[in-house]
């Protein structure tokens, strides 16, 4: 396994080196910002946040791709009332290319449907991994890549968190959600050797600014005190009836009710994200290297 990992590192170094030498156009050398959205438990609104953040970025003129990295129960397409014919499983199995499965939406963003029924990236053969790396590389023309993971702490989730420029943890004020969010932060602190991303927290479905701040202070203080880990409080999203109405209509609430409290919160969160700098070592090439170095 170590020999295979070393081969992958060497190939990635060669790919990165050749790309830097052959690309004289600044547009070709731009770095996609990779944002992983995750949570400790299901049902906290993670996919809703992912999709609506993508729309907020698109309204800033960004080219955005949302990758559904839930390899069990993919649902980004459900949120958008879309039924893609192909998904990541077909890319992994070399039946389709990333370009062939990527679907443009009416909202100005593109989506990559999740590989329902596929268990672990770690189970890929070397040939499948290299093909997957090549296919992921075709996404690098985007400005923003938002990766919507499954809930919990599977190896796939940790892989995508480790690969990101920014990892955004979603929780709600519910005690179980807070406990599970702290659990995933603790596992991130202990399992990811080189924590080189910006770890951020969003508190969803709050009734007041004070409630959100209470949850955020508790989470960030515990992470700092007991894990020696800095977690930035990115913002909150109000518990808004506009969200549930939009879910029933299978349309993003940023579209159905752009002036709702939840929509305004999402815009503020993206605004804060834009003001946070990407680390010097970040970018899509680094995402791929981190993703496959973890094997």
C-alpha atoms as a PDB file:
ATOM      1  CA  UNK A   1       0.000   0.000   0.000  1.00  0.00           C
ATOM      2  CA  UNK A   2       2.842   2.381   0.828  1.00  0.00           C
ATOM      3  CA  UNK A   3       4.500   1.639  -2.530  1.00  0.00           C
ATOM      4  CA  UNK A   4       1.223   2.424  -4.293  1.00  0.00           C
ATOM      5  CA  UNK A   5       0.816   5.662  -2.353  1.00  0.00           C
ATOM      6  CA  UNK A   6       4.356   6.713  -3.233  1.00  0.00           C
ATOM      7  CA  UNK A   7       3.708   6.028  -6.918  1.00  0.00           C
ATOM      8  CA  UNK A   8       0.602   8.210  -6.743  1.00  0.00           C
ATOM      9  CA  UNK A   9       2.561  11.007  -5.066  1.00  0.00           C
ATOM     10  CA  UNK A  10       5.211  10.852  -7.776  1.00  0.00           C
ATOM     11  CA  UNK A  11       2.645  10.926 -10.562  1.00  0.00           C
ATOM     12  CA  UNK A  12       0.894  13.874  -8.915  1.00  0.00           C
ATOM     13  CA  UNK A  13       4.212  15.716  -8.615  1.00  0.00           C
ATOM     14  CA  UNK A  14       4.854  15.105 -12.312  1.00  0.00           C
ATOM     15  CA  UNK A  15       1.336  16.236 -13.240  1.00  0.00           C
ATOM     16  CA  UNK A  16       1.663  19.366 -11.170  1.00  0.00           C
ATOM     17  CA  UNK A  17       5.129  20.108 -12.544  1.00  0.00           C
ATOM     18  CA  UNK A  18       4.146  19.644 -16.159  1.00  0.00           C
ATOM     19  CA  UNK A  19       1.055  21.775 -15.648  1.00  0.00           C
ATOM     20  CA  UNK A  20       3.091  24.648 -14.249  1.00  0.00           C
ATOM     21  CA  UNK A  21       5.621  24.466 -17.084  1.00  0.00           C
ATOM     22  CA  UNK A  22       3.153  24.151 -19.951  1.00  0.00           C
ATOM     23  CA  UNK A  23       0.560  26.648 -18.828  1.00  0.00           C
ATOM     24  CA  UNK A  24       1.486  30.197 -19.780  1.00  0.00           C
ATOM     25  CA  UNK A  25      -2.092  31.484 -19.731  1.00  0.00           C
ATOM     26  CA  UNK A  26      -2.947  32.871 -16.255  1.00  0.00           C
ATOM     27  CA  UNK A  27      -6.506  31.624 -16.687  1.00  0.00           C
ATOM     28  CA  UNK A  28      -5.223  28.081 -17.083  1.00  0.00           C
ATOM     29  CA  UNK A  29      -3.174  28.397 -13.905  1.00  0.00           C
ATOM     30  CA  UNK A  30      -5.992  29.649 -11.708  1.00  0.00           C
ATOM     31  CA  UNK A  31      -6.743  27.670  -8.596  1.00  0.00           C
ATOM     32  CA  UNK A  32     -10.205  26.375  -7.831  1.00  0.00           C
ATOM     33  CA  UNK A  33     -11.167  26.872  -4.210  1.00  0.00           C
ATOM     34  CA  UNK A  34     -12.330  23.582  -2.713  1.00  0.00           C
ATOM     35  CA  UNK A  35     -14.929  23.841   0.057  1.00  0.00           C
ATOM     36  CA  UNK A  36     -16.092  20.685   1.807  1.00  0.00           C
ATOM     37  CA  UNK A  37     -19.436  20.871   3.627  1.00  0.00           C
ATOM     38  CA  UNK A  38     -19.928  18.209   6.281  1.00  0.00           C
ATOM     39  CA  UNK A  39     -21.731  17.428   9.534  1.00  0.00           C
ATOM     40  CA  UNK A  40     -21.603  15.061  12.461  1.00  0.00           C
ATOM     41  CA  UNK A  41     -25.163  13.826  11.955  1.00  0.00           C
ATOM     42  CA  UNK A  42     -27.754  13.807   9.210  1.00  0.00           C
ATOM     43  CA  UNK A  43     -30.744  16.097   9.004  1.00  0.00           C
ATOM     44  CA  UNK A  44     -28.967  19.349   9.893  1.00  0.00           C
ATOM     45  CA  UNK A  45     -29.374  20.925   6.438  1.00  0.00           C
ATOM     46  CA  UNK A  46     -25.930  20.219   5.016  1.00  0.00           C
ATOM     47  CA  UNK A  47     -27.031  19.684   1.402  1.00  0.00           C
ATOM     48  CA  UNK A  48     -29.321  22.703   1.537  1.00  0.00           C
ATOM     49  CA  UNK A  49     -26.395  24.844   2.684  1.00  0.00           C
ATOM     50  CA  UNK A  50     -24.144  23.410  -0.038  1.00  0.00           C
ATOM     51  CA  UNK A  51     -26.565  24.121  -2.885  1.00  0.00           C
ATOM     52  CA  UNK A  52     -27.559  27.582  -1.729  1.00  0.00           C
ATOM     53  CA  UNK A  53     -23.957  28.600  -1.039  1.00  0.00           C
ATOM     54  CA  UNK A  54     -23.208  27.564  -4.612  1.00  0.00           C
ATOM     55  CA  UNK A  55     -25.949  29.873  -5.863  1.00  0.00           C
ATOM     56  CA  UNK A  56     -24.644  32.739  -3.749  1.00  0.00           C
ATOM     57  CA  UNK A  57     -21.176  32.241  -5.248  1.00  0.00           C
ATOM     58  CA  UNK A  58     -22.645  32.091  -8.765  1.00  0.00           C
ATOM     59  CA  UNK A  59     -24.302  35.457  -8.179  1.00  0.00           C
ATOM     60  CA  UNK A  60     -20.854  36.860  -7.478  1.00  0.00           C
ATOM     61  CA  UNK A  61     -19.853  35.809 -10.994  1.00  0.00           C
ATOM     62  CA  UNK A  62     -18.080  32.617  -9.931  1.00  0.00           C
ATOM     63  CA  UNK A  63     -18.088  29.408 -11.930  1.00  0.00           C
ATOM     64  CA  UNK A  64     -19.307  26.842  -9.398  1.00  0.00           C
ATOM     65  CA  UNK A  65     -19.460  23.054  -9.352  1.00  0.00           C
ATOM     66  CA  UNK A  66     -21.248  21.137  -6.592  1.00  0.00           C
ATOM     67  CA  UNK A  67     -19.965  17.586  -6.208  1.00  0.00           C
ATOM     68  CA  UNK A  68     -22.231  15.228  -4.314  1.00  0.00           C
ATOM     69  CA  UNK A  69     -19.674  13.109  -2.464  1.00  0.00           C
ATOM     70  CA  UNK A  70     -22.260  11.122  -0.551  1.00  0.00           C
ATOM     71  CA  UNK A  71     -21.381   7.708  -1.913  1.00  0.00           C
ATOM     72  CA  UNK A  72     -24.401   6.082  -0.316  1.00  0.00           C
ATOM     73  CA  UNK A  73     -27.446   8.344  -0.504  1.00  0.00           C
ATOM     74  CA  UNK A  74     -26.748  11.087  -3.030  1.00  0.00           C
ATOM     75  CA  UNK A  75     -29.304  13.904  -2.798  1.00  0.00           C
ATOM     76  CA  UNK A  76     -27.998  17.138  -4.351  1.00  0.00           C
ATOM     77  CA  UNK A  77     -29.898  16.284  -7.533  1.00  0.00           C
ATOM     78  CA  UNK A  78     -33.053  15.599  -5.489  1.00  0.00           C
ATOM     79  CA  UNK A  79     -32.793  19.068  -3.974  1.00  0.00           C
ATOM     80  CA  UNK A  80     -32.792  20.473  -7.518  1.00  0.00           C
ATOM     81  CA  UNK A  81     -35.486  18.139  -8.897  1.00  0.00           C
ATOM     82  CA  UNK A  82     -33.050  16.573 -11.334  1.00  0.00           C
ATOM     83  CA  UNK A  83     -32.486  12.935 -12.292  1.00  0.00           C
ATOM     84  CA  UNK A  84     -28.986  12.658 -13.819  1.00  0.00           C
ATOM     85  CA  UNK A  85     -28.521   9.606 -15.970  1.00  0.00           C
ATOM     86  CA  UNK A  86     -24.877   9.192 -14.928  1.00  0.00           C
ATOM     87  CA  UNK A  87     -22.985   9.764 -11.677  1.00  0.00           C
ATOM     88  CA  UNK A  88     -19.573   9.406 -10.030  1.00  0.00           C
ATOM     89  CA  UNK A  89     -19.891   5.644  -9.972  1.00  0.00           C
ATOM     90  CA  UNK A  90     -19.707   5.594 -13.770  1.00  0.00           C
ATOM     91  CA  UNK A  91     -16.589   7.784 -13.670  1.00  0.00           C
ATOM     92  CA  UNK A  92     -14.930   5.583 -11.057  1.00  0.00           C
ATOM     93  CA  UNK A  93     -15.678   2.530 -13.184  1.00  0.00           C
ATOM     94  CA  UNK A  94     -14.339   4.333 -16.300  1.00  0.00           C
ATOM     95  CA  UNK A  95     -17.678   4.084 -18.066  1.00  0.00           C
ATOM     96  CA  UNK A  96     -18.083   7.864 -18.379  1.00  0.00           C
ATOM     97  CA  UNK A  97     -15.918  10.968 -18.071  1.00  0.00           C
ATOM     98  CA  UNK A  98     -16.450  13.736 -15.535  1.00  0.00           C
ATOM     99  CA  UNK A  99     -17.437  16.064 -18.366  1.00  0.00           C
ATOM    100  CA  UNK A 100     -20.085  13.598 -19.505  1.00  0.00           C
ATOM    101  CA  UNK A 101     -21.721  13.268 -16.089  1.00  0.00           C
ATOM    102  CA  UNK A 102     -21.519  16.935 -15.059  1.00  0.00           C
ATOM    103  CA  UNK A 103     -24.892  18.608 -15.510  1.00  0.00           C
ATOM    104  CA  UNK A 104     -25.518  22.329 -15.923  1.00  0.00           C
ATOM    105  CA  UNK A 105     -28.537  23.583 -14.007  1.00  0.00           C
ATOM    106  CA  UNK A 106     -30.962  26.402 -14.699  1.00  0.00           C
ATOM    107  CA  UNK A 107     -29.496  28.226 -11.695  1.00  0.00           C
ATOM    108  CA  UNK A 108     -26.074  28.948 -13.148  1.00  0.00           C
ATOM    109  CA  UNK A 109     -24.224  26.181 -11.323  1.00  0.00           C
ATOM    110  CA  UNK A 110     -23.133  22.693 -12.372  1.00  0.00           C
ATOM    111  CA  UNK A 111     -23.546  19.499 -10.381  1.00  0.00           C
ATOM    112  CA  UNK A 112     -21.781  16.151 -10.253  1.00  0.00           C
ATOM    113  CA  UNK A 113     -24.172  13.504  -8.965  1.00  0.00           C
ATOM    114  CA  UNK A 114     -23.015  11.184  -6.187  1.00  0.00           C
ATOM    115  CA  UNK A 115     -21.984   7.592  -6.670  1.00  0.00           C
ATOM    116  CA  UNK A 116     -24.898   5.865  -4.981  1.00  0.00           C
ATOM    117  CA  UNK A 117     -24.017   2.305  -4.093  1.00  0.00           C
ATOM    118  CA  UNK A 118     -20.230   2.805  -4.025  1.00  0.00           C
ATOM    119  CA  UNK A 119     -18.672   2.318  -0.608  1.00  0.00           C
ATOM    120  CA  UNK A 120     -15.090   3.580  -0.362  1.00  0.00           C
ATOM    121  CA  UNK A 121     -12.628   5.574  -2.400  1.00  0.00           C
ATOM    122  CA  UNK A 122      -9.962   3.529  -0.605  1.00  0.00           C
ATOM    123  CA  UNK A 123     -11.200   0.430  -2.422  1.00  0.00           C
ATOM    124  CA  UNK A 124     -10.197   1.745  -5.833  1.00  0.00           C
ATOM    125  CA  UNK A 125      -7.496  -0.101  -7.737  1.00  0.00           C
ATOM    126  CA  UNK A 126      -4.410   1.888  -8.736  1.00  0.00           C
ATOM    127  CA  UNK A 127      -5.695   2.164 -12.293  1.00  0.00           C
ATOM    128  CA  UNK A 128      -9.091   3.399 -11.076  1.00  0.00           C
ATOM    129  CA  UNK A 129      -7.440   5.920  -8.757  1.00  0.00           C
ATOM    130  CA  UNK A 130      -5.303   7.376 -11.519  1.00  0.00           C
ATOM    131  CA  UNK A 131      -8.298   7.613 -13.819  1.00  0.00           C
ATOM    132  CA  UNK A 132     -10.272   9.305 -11.027  1.00  0.00           C
ATOM    133  CA  UNK A 133      -7.441  11.819 -10.480  1.00  0.00           C
ATOM    134  CA  UNK A 134      -7.415  12.645 -14.195  1.00  0.00           C
ATOM    135  CA  UNK A 135     -11.166  13.099 -14.209  1.00  0.00           C
ATOM    136  CA  UNK A 136     -11.152  15.271 -11.068  1.00  0.00           C
ATOM    137  CA  UNK A 137      -8.572  17.448 -12.780  1.00  0.00           C
ATOM    138  CA  UNK A 138     -11.179  18.422 -15.379  1.00  0.00           C
ATOM    139  CA  UNK A 139     -13.075  20.280 -12.629  1.00  0.00           C
ATOM    140  CA  UNK A 140     -10.153  22.629 -12.018  1.00  0.00           C
ATOM    141  CA  UNK A 141     -11.524  25.185 -14.494  1.00  0.00           C
ATOM    142  CA  UNK A 142     -14.160  26.103 -11.915  1.00  0.00           C
ATOM    143  CA  UNK A 143     -13.633  28.956  -9.469  1.00  0.00           C
ATOM    144  CA  UNK A 144     -15.391  27.199  -6.598  1.00  0.00           C
ATOM    145  CA  UNK A 145     -15.874  23.473  -6.020  1.00  0.00           C
ATOM    146  CA  UNK A 146     -18.294  22.678  -3.202  1.00  0.00           C
ATOM    147  CA  UNK A 147     -18.136  19.072  -1.991  1.00  0.00           C
ATOM    148  CA  UNK A 148     -21.239  17.895  -0.163  1.00  0.00           C
ATOM    149  CA  UNK A 149     -20.202  14.876   1.907  1.00  0.00           C
ATOM    150  CA  UNK A 150     -22.309  12.297   3.664  1.00  0.00           C
ATOM    151  CA  UNK A 151     -22.955  12.853   7.351  1.00  0.00           C
ATOM    152  CA  UNK A 152     -20.711  11.197   9.927  1.00  0.00           C
ATOM    153  CA  UNK A 153     -17.070  10.208  10.005  1.00  0.00           C
ATOM    154  CA  UNK A 154     -16.503   7.543   7.383  1.00  0.00           C
ATOM    155  CA  UNK A 155     -13.100   7.323   5.702  1.00  0.00           C
ATOM    156  CA  UNK A 156     -14.582   8.944   2.580  1.00  0.00           C
ATOM    157  CA  UNK A 157     -15.741  11.967   4.562  1.00  0.00           C
ATOM    158  CA  UNK A 158     -12.330  12.375   6.196  1.00  0.00           C
ATOM    159  CA  UNK A 159     -10.635  12.054   2.800  1.00  0.00           C
ATOM    160  CA  UNK A 160     -12.639  14.922   1.347  1.00  0.00           C
ATOM    161  CA  UNK A 161     -12.174  17.048   4.477  1.00  0.00           C
ATOM    162  CA  UNK A 162      -8.416  16.511   4.341  1.00  0.00           C
ATOM    163  CA  UNK A 163      -8.409  17.443   0.664  1.00  0.00           C
ATOM    164  CA  UNK A 164     -10.251  20.763   1.074  1.00  0.00           C
ATOM    165  CA  UNK A 165      -9.093  24.344   1.326  1.00  0.00           C
ATOM    166  CA  UNK A 166     -11.972  24.982   3.721  1.00  0.00           C
ATOM    167  CA  UNK A 167     -14.005  22.464   5.703  1.00  0.00           C
ATOM    168  CA  UNK A 168     -17.346  23.806   6.912  1.00  0.00           C
ATOM    169  CA  UNK A 169     -19.029  21.917   9.766  1.00  0.00           C
ATOM    170  CA  UNK A 170     -22.810  22.313   9.911  1.00  0.00           C
ATOM    171  CA  UNK A 171     -24.675  21.924  13.200  1.00  0.00           C
ATOM    172  CA  UNK A 172     -27.961  22.998  14.728  1.00  0.00           C
ATOM    173  CA  UNK A 173     -28.663  24.062  18.333  1.00  0.00           C
ATOM    174  CA  UNK A 174     -30.006  20.589  19.142  1.00  0.00           C
ATOM    175  CA  UNK A 175     -27.857  18.857  21.805  1.00  0.00           C
ATOM    176  CA  UNK A 176     -27.397  15.716  19.670  1.00  0.00           C
ATOM    177  CA  UNK A 177     -26.268  17.783  16.676  1.00  0.00           C
ATOM    178  CA  UNK A 178     -23.809  19.725  18.833  1.00  0.00           C
ATOM    179  CA  UNK A 179     -22.410  16.522  20.335  1.00  0.00           C
ATOM    180  CA  UNK A 180     -21.994  14.920  16.917  1.00  0.00           C
ATOM    181  CA  UNK A 181     -20.436  18.073  15.466  1.00  0.00           C
ATOM    182  CA  UNK A 182     -17.873  18.108  18.261  1.00  0.00           C
ATOM    183  CA  UNK A 183     -17.299  14.413  17.594  1.00  0.00           C
ATOM    184  CA  UNK A 184     -16.375  14.986  13.961  1.00  0.00           C
ATOM    185  CA  UNK A 185     -14.151  17.940  14.902  1.00  0.00           C
ATOM    186  CA  UNK A 186     -12.359  15.704  17.423  1.00  0.00           C
ATOM    187  CA  UNK A 187     -11.828  12.991  14.801  1.00  0.00           C
ATOM    188  CA  UNK A 188     -10.557  15.585  12.315  1.00  0.00           C
ATOM    189  CA  UNK A 189      -8.050  16.741  14.945  1.00  0.00           C
ATOM    190  CA  UNK A 190      -6.815  13.214  15.660  1.00  0.00           C
ATOM    191  CA  UNK A 191      -7.081  11.473  12.272  1.00  0.00           C
ATOM    192  CA  UNK A 192      -5.859  14.116   9.829  1.00  0.00           C
ATOM    193  CA  UNK A 193      -2.107  14.402  10.276  1.00  0.00           C
ATOM    194  CA  UNK A 194      -1.565  17.610   8.314  1.00  0.00           C
ATOM    195  CA  UNK A 195      -4.484  19.878   9.121  1.00  0.00           C
ATOM    196  CA  UNK A 196      -3.917  22.486   6.452  1.00  0.00           C
ATOM    197  CA  UNK A 197      -7.418  23.734   5.764  1.00  0.00           C
ATOM    198  CA  UNK A 198      -9.561  26.424   7.299  1.00  0.00           C
ATOM    199  CA  UNK A 199     -11.976  24.672   9.675  1.00  0.00           C
ATOM    200  CA  UNK A 200     -15.210  26.627  10.007  1.00  0.00           C
ATOM    201  CA  UNK A 201     -18.544  26.327  11.784  1.00  0.00           C
ATOM    202  CA  UNK A 202     -22.054  27.258  10.639  1.00  0.00           C
ATOM    203  CA  UNK A 203     -25.001  27.014  13.034  1.00  0.00           C
ATOM    204  CA  UNK A 204     -28.195  26.246  11.150  1.00  0.00           C
ATOM    205  CA  UNK A 205     -31.858  26.643  12.146  1.00  0.00           C
ATOM    206  CA  UNK A 206     -31.393  29.173  14.915  1.00  0.00           C
ATOM    207  CA  UNK A 207     -34.091  31.437  16.312  1.00  0.00           C
ATOM    208  CA  UNK A 208     -31.835  34.301  17.362  1.00  0.00           C
ATOM    209  CA  UNK A 209     -28.338  35.709  17.029  1.00  0.00           C
ATOM    210  CA  UNK A 210     -27.794  35.005  20.726  1.00  0.00           C
ATOM    211  CA  UNK A 211     -28.699  31.331  20.324  1.00  0.00           C
ATOM    212  CA  UNK A 212     -26.251  30.959  17.440  1.00  0.00           C
ATOM    213  CA  UNK A 213     -23.479  32.708  19.350  1.00  0.00           C
ATOM    214  CA  UNK A 214     -24.019  30.515  22.410  1.00  0.00           C
ATOM    215  CA  UNK A 215     -23.626  27.351  20.321  1.00  0.00           C
ATOM    216  CA  UNK A 216     -20.649  28.714  18.393  1.00  0.00           C
ATOM    217  CA  UNK A 217     -18.835  29.920  21.519  1.00  0.00           C
ATOM    218  CA  UNK A 218     -19.298  26.551  23.154  1.00  0.00           C
ATOM    219  CA  UNK A 219     -17.992  24.667  20.121  1.00  0.00           C
ATOM    220  CA  UNK A 220     -15.020  26.900  19.367  1.00  0.00           C
ATOM    221  CA  UNK A 221     -13.949  27.160  23.013  1.00  0.00           C
ATOM    222  CA  UNK A 222     -14.066  23.381  23.573  1.00  0.00           C
ATOM    223  CA  UNK A 223     -12.167  22.723  20.341  1.00  0.00           C
ATOM    224  CA  UNK A 224      -9.494  25.219  21.331  1.00  0.00           C
ATOM    225  CA  UNK A 225      -9.194  24.107  24.942  1.00  0.00           C
ATOM    226  CA  UNK A 226      -9.296  20.337  24.576  1.00  0.00           C
ATOM    227  CA  UNK A 227      -8.153  19.757  20.987  1.00  0.00           C
ATOM    228  CA  UNK A 228      -5.856  22.736  20.489  1.00  0.00           C
ATOM    229  CA  UNK A 229      -7.736  23.303  17.244  1.00  0.00           C
ATOM    230  CA  UNK A 230      -8.887  26.638  15.861  1.00  0.00           C
ATOM    231  CA  UNK A 231     -12.431  26.591  14.512  1.00  0.00           C
ATOM    232  CA  UNK A 232     -13.684  29.822  12.964  1.00  0.00           C
ATOM    233  CA  UNK A 233     -17.322  30.761  13.479  1.00  0.00           C
ATOM    234  CA  UNK A 234     -18.508  31.531   9.965  1.00  0.00           C
ATOM    235  CA  UNK A 235     -22.096  32.467  10.715  1.00  0.00           C
ATOM    236  CA  UNK A 236     -25.624  31.202  11.245  1.00  0.00           C
ATOM    237  CA  UNK A 237     -28.821  30.552   9.300  1.00  0.00           C
ATOM    238  CA  UNK A 238     -32.237  31.373  10.720  1.00  0.00           C
ATOM    239  CA  UNK A 239     -34.901  28.704  11.126  1.00  0.00           C
ATOM    240  CA  UNK A 240     -36.987  29.958   8.227  1.00  0.00           C
ATOM    241  CA  UNK A 241     -40.242  28.576   6.811  1.00  0.00           C
ATOM    242  CA  UNK A 242     -38.951  29.609   3.385  1.00  0.00           C
ATOM    243  CA  UNK A 243     -36.465  26.741   3.565  1.00  0.00           C
ATOM    244  CA  UNK A 244     -39.022  23.983   4.105  1.00  0.00           C
ATOM    245  CA  UNK A 245     -41.257  25.480   1.408  1.00  0.00           C
ATOM    246  CA  UNK A 246     -38.336  25.417  -1.029  1.00  0.00           C
ATOM    247  CA  UNK A 247     -37.436  21.828  -0.139  1.00  0.00           C
ATOM    248  CA  UNK A 248     -40.988  20.695  -0.896  1.00  0.00           C
ATOM    249  CA  UNK A 249     -40.803  22.451  -4.260  1.00  0.00           C
ATOM    250  CA  UNK A 250     -37.332  20.959  -4.885  1.00  0.00           C
ATOM    251  CA  UNK A 251     -35.907  24.385  -5.625  1.00  0.00           C
ATOM    252  CA  UNK A 252     -33.206  26.343  -3.748  1.00  0.00           C
ATOM    253  CA  UNK A 253     -34.574  28.893  -1.280  1.00  0.00           C
ATOM    254  CA  UNK A 254     -32.108  31.423  -2.713  1.00  0.00           C
ATOM    255  CA  UNK A 255     -34.279  31.221  -5.849  1.00  0.00           C
ATOM    256  CA  UNK A 256     -37.780  30.846  -4.422  1.00  0.00           C
ATOM    257  CA  UNK A 257     -37.375  33.517  -1.744  1.00  0.00           C
ATOM    258  CA  UNK A 258     -34.143  35.465  -2.307  1.00  0.00           C
ATOM    259  CA  UNK A 259     -35.051  38.060   0.331  1.00  0.00           C
ATOM    260  CA  UNK A 260     -35.838  35.560   3.065  1.00  0.00           C
ATOM    261  CA  UNK A 261     -33.876  35.499   6.312  1.00  0.00           C
ATOM    262  CA  UNK A 262     -32.180  32.236   5.314  1.00  0.00           C
ATOM    263  CA  UNK A 263     -31.117  33.624   1.918  1.00  0.00           C
ATOM    264  CA  UNK A 264     -29.624  36.727   3.499  1.00  0.00           C
ATOM    265  CA  UNK A 265     -27.730  34.555   6.000  1.00  0.00           C
ATOM    266  CA  UNK A 266     -26.262  32.461   3.163  1.00  0.00           C
ATOM    267  CA  UNK A 267     -25.106  35.607   1.369  1.00  0.00           C
ATOM    268  CA  UNK A 268     -23.414  36.825   4.552  1.00  0.00           C
ATOM    269  CA  UNK A 269     -21.678  33.467   5.016  1.00  0.00           C
ATOM    270  CA  UNK A 270     -20.335  33.495   1.455  1.00  0.00           C
ATOM    271  CA  UNK A 271     -19.238  37.085   1.947  1.00  0.00           C
ATOM    272  CA  UNK A 272     -17.199  36.022   4.969  1.00  0.00           C
ATOM    273  CA  UNK A 273     -15.759  33.087   3.031  1.00  0.00           C
ATOM    274  CA  UNK A 274     -14.607  35.417   0.274  1.00  0.00           C
ATOM    275  CA  UNK A 275     -12.725  37.552   2.779  1.00  0.00           C
ATOM    276  CA  UNK A 276     -10.833  34.540   4.138  1.00  0.00           C
ATOM    277  CA  UNK A 277      -7.591  33.881   2.293  1.00  0.00           C
ATOM    278  CA  UNK A 278      -6.768  30.558   0.664  1.00  0.00           C
ATOM    279  CA  UNK A 279      -3.536  29.183   2.069  1.00  0.00           C
ATOM    280  CA  UNK A 280      -0.509  29.335  -0.211  1.00  0.00           C
ATOM    281  CA  UNK A 281      -0.430  25.560  -0.649  1.00  0.00           C
ATOM    282  CA  UNK A 282      -4.085  25.328  -1.558  1.00  0.00           C
ATOM    283  CA  UNK A 283      -5.759  24.745  -4.884  1.00  0.00           C
ATOM    284  CA  UNK A 284      -7.216  21.872  -6.833  1.00  0.00           C
ATOM    285  CA  UNK A 285      -3.917  20.117  -7.546  1.00  0.00           C
ATOM    286  CA  UNK A 286      -3.259  20.081  -3.818  1.00  0.00           C
ATOM    287  CA  UNK A 287      -6.751  18.744  -3.227  1.00  0.00           C
ATOM    288  CA  UNK A 288      -6.015  15.719  -5.390  1.00  0.00           C
ATOM    289  CA  UNK A 289      -2.631  15.162  -3.763  1.00  0.00           C
ATOM    290  CA  UNK A 290      -4.133  15.285  -0.260  1.00  0.00           C
ATOM    291  CA  UNK A 291      -7.051  13.086  -1.272  1.00  0.00           C
ATOM    292  CA  UNK A 292      -4.870  10.259  -2.492  1.00  0.00           C
ATOM    293  CA  UNK A 293      -1.896  10.694  -0.152  1.00  0.00           C
ATOM    294  CA  UNK A 294      -4.196   9.673   2.717  1.00  0.00           C
ATOM    295  CA  UNK A 295      -4.191   6.102   1.430  1.00  0.00           C
END
